Amino acid sequence: MSPRPYRLPSSVLAVALVGTLIYLFARGPVADLFRSLANLWSLGLIFASGATLVWFAYSVCLRRLLRVRRIANLRLRRMLTEGQSDSSNLRPD
């Protein structure tokens, strides 16, 4: 059984064709509107790629560093409390 190729609905293709034709032959405010929408789309893509980069840096690098630091602080705190309890047990009051 061969896989069926994915086909866009004809309405989507019609809207894309009409939009392309309007963009190609439009003058004045309609062309400016399409350019503005294209600029907004580009800005959204730039924002999405920046957010993905920040998420990757946090998830891979920063989260590991914060985890190592938290574990080191817990160990140090436990050693200090054990040292205080040992020193208080050794002192005769």
C-alpha atoms as a PDB file:
ATOM      1  CA  MET A   1       0.000   0.000   0.000  1.00  0.00           C
ATOM      2  CA  SER A   2       1.593   3.265  -1.103  1.00  0.00           C
ATOM      3  CA  PRO A   3       1.188   6.403   1.020  1.00  0.00           C
ATOM      4  CA  ARG A   4      -1.297   8.954  -0.216  1.00  0.00           C
ATOM      5  CA  PRO A   5       0.261  12.311  -1.067  1.00  0.00           C
ATOM      6  CA  TYR A   6      -0.916  15.253   0.997  1.00  0.00           C
ATOM      7  CA  ARG A   7      -3.022  17.682  -0.980  1.00  0.00           C
ATOM      8  CA  LEU A   8      -4.161  21.106   0.066  1.00  0.00           C
ATOM      9  CA  PRO A   9      -7.871  21.818  -0.222  1.00  0.00           C
ATOM     10  CA  SER A  10      -8.769  23.769  -3.332  1.00  0.00           C
ATOM     11  CA  SER A  11     -10.088  26.676  -1.228  1.00  0.00           C
ATOM     12  CA  VAL A  12      -6.646  27.182   0.338  1.00  0.00           C
ATOM     13  CA  LEU A  13      -5.026  27.178  -3.062  1.00  0.00           C
ATOM     14  CA  ALA A  14      -7.617  29.653  -4.350  1.00  0.00           C
ATOM     15  CA  VAL A  15      -7.037  32.036  -1.438  1.00  0.00           C
ATOM     16  CA  ALA A  16      -3.266  31.817  -1.930  1.00  0.00           C
ATOM     17  CA  LEU A  17      -3.633  32.499  -5.654  1.00  0.00           C
ATOM     18  CA  VAL A  18      -5.971  35.460  -5.137  1.00  0.00           C
ATOM     19  CA  GLY A  19      -3.696  36.885  -2.447  1.00  0.00           C
ATOM     20  CA  THR A  20      -0.657  36.549  -4.687  1.00  0.00           C
ATOM     21  CA  LEU A  21      -2.434  38.220  -7.608  1.00  0.00           C
ATOM     22  CA  ILE A  22      -3.669  41.097  -5.428  1.00  0.00           C
ATOM     23  CA  TYR A  23      -0.144  41.564  -4.071  1.00  0.00           C
ATOM     24  CA  LEU A  24       1.406  41.556  -7.533  1.00  0.00           C
ATOM     25  CA  PHE A  25      -1.005  43.981  -9.153  1.00  0.00           C
ATOM     26  CA  ALA A  26      -2.111  46.125  -6.217  1.00  0.00           C
ATOM     27  CA  ARG A  27      -1.219  49.778  -6.000  1.00  0.00           C
ATOM     28  CA  GLY A  28      -1.191  52.178  -3.091  1.00  0.00           C
ATOM     29  CA  PRO A  29      -2.781  51.303   0.234  1.00  0.00           C
ATOM     30  CA  VAL A  30      -3.484  47.640  -0.564  1.00  0.00           C
ATOM     31  CA  ALA A  31       0.164  46.967  -1.376  1.00  0.00           C
ATOM     32  CA  ASP A  32       1.195  48.823   1.774  1.00  0.00           C
ATOM     33  CA  LEU A  33      -1.207  46.654   3.781  1.00  0.00           C
ATOM     34  CA  PHE A  34       0.336  43.477   2.384  1.00  0.00           C
ATOM     35  CA  ARG A  35       3.844  44.771   3.059  1.00  0.00           C
ATOM     36  CA  SER A  36       2.861  45.630   6.619  1.00  0.00           C
ATOM     37  CA  LEU A  37       1.422  42.148   7.148  1.00  0.00           C
ATOM     38  CA  ALA A  38       4.597  40.619   5.733  1.00  0.00           C
ATOM     39  CA  ASN A  39       6.688  42.761   8.092  1.00  0.00           C
ATOM     40  CA  LEU A  40       4.582  41.660  11.069  1.00  0.00           C
ATOM     41  CA  TRP A  41       4.978  38.037  10.013  1.00  0.00           C
ATOM     42  CA  SER A  42       8.766  38.482   9.798  1.00  0.00           C
ATOM     43  CA  LEU A  43       8.844  40.136  13.206  1.00  0.00           C
ATOM     44  CA  GLY A  44       6.880  37.248  14.666  1.00  0.00           C
ATOM     45  CA  LEU A  45       9.304  34.733  13.167  1.00  0.00           C
ATOM     46  CA  ILE A  46      12.285  36.644  14.575  1.00  0.00           C
ATOM     47  CA  PHE A  47      10.637  36.721  18.011  1.00  0.00           C
ATOM     48  CA  ALA A  48       9.860  32.997  17.858  1.00  0.00           C
ATOM     49  CA  SER A  49      13.437  32.120  16.897  1.00  0.00           C
ATOM     50  CA  GLY A  50      14.820  34.311  19.694  1.00  0.00           C
ATOM     51  CA  ALA A  51      12.485  32.738  22.233  1.00  0.00           C
ATOM     52  CA  THR A  52      13.537  29.272  21.060  1.00  0.00           C
ATOM     53  CA  LEU A  53      17.201  30.194  21.453  1.00  0.00           C
ATOM     54  CA  VAL A  54      16.631  31.534  24.981  1.00  0.00           C
ATOM     55  CA  TRP A  55      14.637  28.430  25.932  1.00  0.00           C
ATOM     56  CA  PHE A  56      17.411  26.177  24.602  1.00  0.00           C
ATOM     57  CA  ALA A  57      20.100  28.083  26.502  1.00  0.00           C
ATOM     58  CA  TYR A  58      18.047  27.864  29.702  1.00  0.00           C
ATOM     59  CA  SER A  59      17.158  24.205  29.351  1.00  0.00           C
ATOM     60  CA  VAL A  60      20.629  22.981  28.417  1.00  0.00           C
ATOM     61  CA  CYS A  61      23.121  25.291  30.120  1.00  0.00           C
ATOM     62  CA  LEU A  62      21.595  27.391  32.835  1.00  0.00           C
ATOM     63  CA  ARG A  63      19.385  24.728  34.389  1.00  0.00           C
ATOM     64  CA  ARG A  64      22.363  22.410  34.867  1.00  0.00           C
ATOM     65  CA  LEU A  65      24.439  25.147  36.463  1.00  0.00           C
ATOM     66  CA  LEU A  66      21.618  26.084  38.831  1.00  0.00           C
ATOM     67  CA  ARG A  67      21.124  22.432  39.789  1.00  0.00           C
ATOM     68  CA  VAL A  68      24.829  21.951  40.549  1.00  0.00           C
ATOM     69  CA  ARG A  69      24.867  25.118  42.647  1.00  0.00           C
ATOM     70  CA  ARG A  70      21.743  24.078  44.583  1.00  0.00           C
ATOM     71  CA  ILE A  71      23.220  20.651  45.352  1.00  0.00           C
ATOM     72  CA  ALA A  72      26.498  22.218  46.516  1.00  0.00           C
ATOM     73  CA  ASN A  73      24.615  24.621  48.795  1.00  0.00           C
ATOM     74  CA  LEU A  74      22.586  21.767  50.285  1.00  0.00           C
ATOM     75  CA  ARG A  75      25.747  19.767  50.986  1.00  0.00           C
ATOM     76  CA  LEU A  76      27.450  22.764  52.567  1.00  0.00           C
ATOM     77  CA  ARG A  77      24.409  23.499  54.745  1.00  0.00           C
ATOM     78  CA  ARG A  78      24.226  19.860  55.861  1.00  0.00           C
ATOM     79  CA  MET A  79      27.939  19.818  56.695  1.00  0.00           C
ATOM     80  CA  LEU A  80      27.595  23.032  58.707  1.00  0.00           C
ATOM     81  CA  THR A  81      24.628  21.736  60.689  1.00  0.00           C
ATOM     82  CA  GLU A  82      26.404  18.430  61.353  1.00  0.00           C
ATOM     83  CA  GLY A  83      29.505  20.325  62.441  1.00  0.00           C
ATOM     84  CA  GLN A  84      27.475  22.481  64.821  1.00  0.00           C
ATOM     85  CA  SER A  85      25.688  19.485  66.288  1.00  0.00           C
ATOM     86  CA  ASP A  86      28.999  17.613  66.734  1.00  0.00           C
ATOM     87  CA  SER A  87      30.659  20.595  68.413  1.00  0.00           C
ATOM     88  CA  SER A  88      27.689  21.103  70.731  1.00  0.00           C
ATOM     89  CA  ASN A  89      27.789  17.422  71.748  1.00  0.00           C
ATOM     90  CA  LEU A  90      31.481  17.630  72.620  1.00  0.00           C
ATOM     91  CA  ARG A  91      31.167  20.636  74.956  1.00  0.00           C
ATOM     92  CA  PRO A  92      30.449  19.762  78.538  1.00  0.00           C
ATOM     93  CA  ASP A  93      27.948  22.281  79.891  1.00  0.00           C
END
